[in-house]
Amino acid sequence: MKLKNFMYRGVHGWCPEDTWNLDTYLAKVIAESIKYLKKHTISHPGVVTFKQWKKILKTISEGIDAPYRLDESVNNMGNFNKQDKIAYKKQKEALKLFVTYFNTLWD
């Protein structure tokens, strides 16, 4: 099944298994892609400085998957403690920036 998914993903960019937890899958892909972009970018949108752009990319890459990086045993119990609230706040900020700068996510 893993080889089939690998091949399907290679052709289509996604596989049916990715949709089982699409939010988690997309958050991971976005976080890792943005982290790579931050490290390798040589440009920035004209409305922000290069330093601000690097900070924006860092905020997106560290925040978008923050809730999914929590200890799963805590997360699955439905206990929204302080750690959960902080993670979801980081994700909300990251998603807002992601939407704002979506059309400028290129190098």
Protein backbone atom coordinates (compact mmCIF):
# COMPACT_ATOMS: atom_id res chain seq x y z
CA MET A 1 0.00 0.00 0.00
CA LYS A 2 2.85 2.42 0.79
CA LEU A 3 4.36 1.99 -2.69
CA LYS A 4 0.96 2.49 -4.29
CA ASN A 5 0.45 5.69 -2.26
CA PHE A 6 3.96 6.87 -3.13
CA MET A 7 3.33 6.37 -6.83
CA TYR A 8 -0.14 7.95 -6.71
CA ARG A 9 1.29 10.95 -4.83
CA GLY A 10 4.07 11.25 -7.41
CA VAL A 11 1.55 11.45 -10.25
CA HIS A 12 -1.22 13.47 -8.59
CA GLY A 13 0.59 15.32 -5.76
CA TRP A 14 -1.58 13.64 -3.12
CA CYS A 15 -3.01 10.18 -2.42
CA PRO A 16 -6.33 9.02 -0.97
CA GLU A 17 -4.66 8.11 2.33
CA ASP A 18 -3.68 11.77 2.75
CA THR A 19 -7.37 12.68 3.02
CA TRP A 20 -7.88 10.56 6.12
CA ASN A 21 -6.39 13.39 8.18
CA LEU A 22 -6.13 16.05 5.53
CA ASP A 23 -5.68 18.86 8.06
CA THR A 24 -2.67 17.15 9.62
CA TYR A 25 -1.19 16.22 6.26
CA LEU A 26 -1.55 19.74 4.82
CA ALA A 27 -0.25 21.39 8.00
CA LYS A 28 2.89 19.24 7.85
CA VAL A 29 3.45 19.87 4.13
CA ILE A 30 2.91 23.61 4.51
CA ALA A 31 5.11 23.86 7.62
CA GLU A 32 8.00 21.97 6.00
CA SER A 33 7.68 23.84 2.68
CA ILE A 34 7.60 27.25 4.34
CA LYS A 35 10.56 26.30 6.54
CA TYR A 36 12.50 25.40 3.39
CA LEU A 37 11.42 28.63 1.70
CA LYS A 38 12.55 30.67 4.72
CA LYS A 39 15.99 29.07 4.60
CA HIS A 40 16.48 29.44 0.84
CA THR A 41 14.54 32.56 -0.15
CA ILE A 42 16.35 35.44 -1.81
CA SER A 43 13.33 37.69 -2.27
CA HIS A 44 10.39 39.13 -0.36
CA PRO A 45 7.09 40.86 -1.06
CA GLY A 46 7.48 44.59 -1.62
CA VAL A 47 5.19 45.47 1.28
CA VAL A 48 7.62 44.07 3.89
CA THR A 49 11.36 44.09 4.42
CA PHE A 50 13.47 40.96 3.97
CA LYS A 51 13.87 40.71 7.76
CA GLN A 52 10.09 41.01 8.29
CA TRP A 53 9.49 38.41 5.56
CA LYS A 54 11.80 35.91 7.28
CA LYS A 55 9.89 36.48 10.54
CA ILE A 56 6.54 35.99 8.78
CA LEU A 57 7.76 32.73 7.22
CA LYS A 58 9.03 31.55 10.60
CA THR A 59 5.68 32.34 12.24
CA ILE A 60 3.82 30.40 9.55
CA SER A 61 6.16 27.38 9.59
CA GLU A 62 6.21 27.09 13.38
CA GLY A 63 2.55 27.83 13.96
CA ILE A 64 0.56 26.12 11.24
CA ASP A 65 1.18 22.64 12.61
CA ALA A 66 1.60 23.58 16.29
CA PRO A 67 -1.51 21.72 17.53
CA TYR A 68 -0.41 18.55 15.72
CA ARG A 69 3.00 18.58 17.37
CA LEU A 70 1.48 18.34 20.85
CA ASP A 71 1.64 15.07 22.73
CA GLU A 72 -1.13 13.01 21.14
CA SER A 73 -2.22 11.51 24.45
CA VAL A 74 -2.98 14.98 25.79
CA ASN A 75 -4.55 16.13 22.52
CA ASN A 76 -6.88 13.15 22.16
CA MET A 77 -8.27 13.40 25.67
CA GLY A 78 -10.04 16.64 24.75
CA ASN A 79 -8.42 18.55 27.59
CA PHE A 80 -7.79 22.04 26.31
CA ASN A 81 -5.12 23.10 28.73
CA LYS A 82 -2.78 26.06 28.48
CA GLN A 83 -0.48 24.25 26.03
CA ASP A 84 -3.41 23.54 23.68
CA LYS A 85 -4.61 27.14 23.79
CA ILE A 86 -1.14 28.46 22.97
CA ALA A 87 -0.77 26.01 20.08
CA TYR A 88 -4.14 26.90 18.58
CA LYS A 89 -3.41 30.62 18.98
CA LYS A 90 -0.11 30.14 17.10
CA GLN A 91 -1.93 28.19 14.40
CA LYS A 92 -4.59 30.89 14.03
CA GLU A 93 -1.92 33.58 13.62
CA ALA A 94 -0.02 31.40 11.13
CA LEU A 95 -3.15 30.72 9.07
CA LYS A 96 -3.98 34.44 8.96
CA LEU A 97 -0.48 35.21 7.66
CA PHE A 98 -0.65 32.27 5.24
CA VAL A 99 -3.84 33.63 3.70
CA THR A 100 -2.54 37.21 3.65
CA TYR A 101 0.70 36.27 1.89
CA PHE A 102 -0.53 33.25 -0.09
CA ASN A 103 0.11 34.83 -3.49
CA THR A 104 3.64 35.81 -2.50
CA LEU A 105 4.85 32.37 -1.39
CA TRP A 106 7.49 31.97 -4.04
CA ASP A 107 11.21 32.47 -4.30
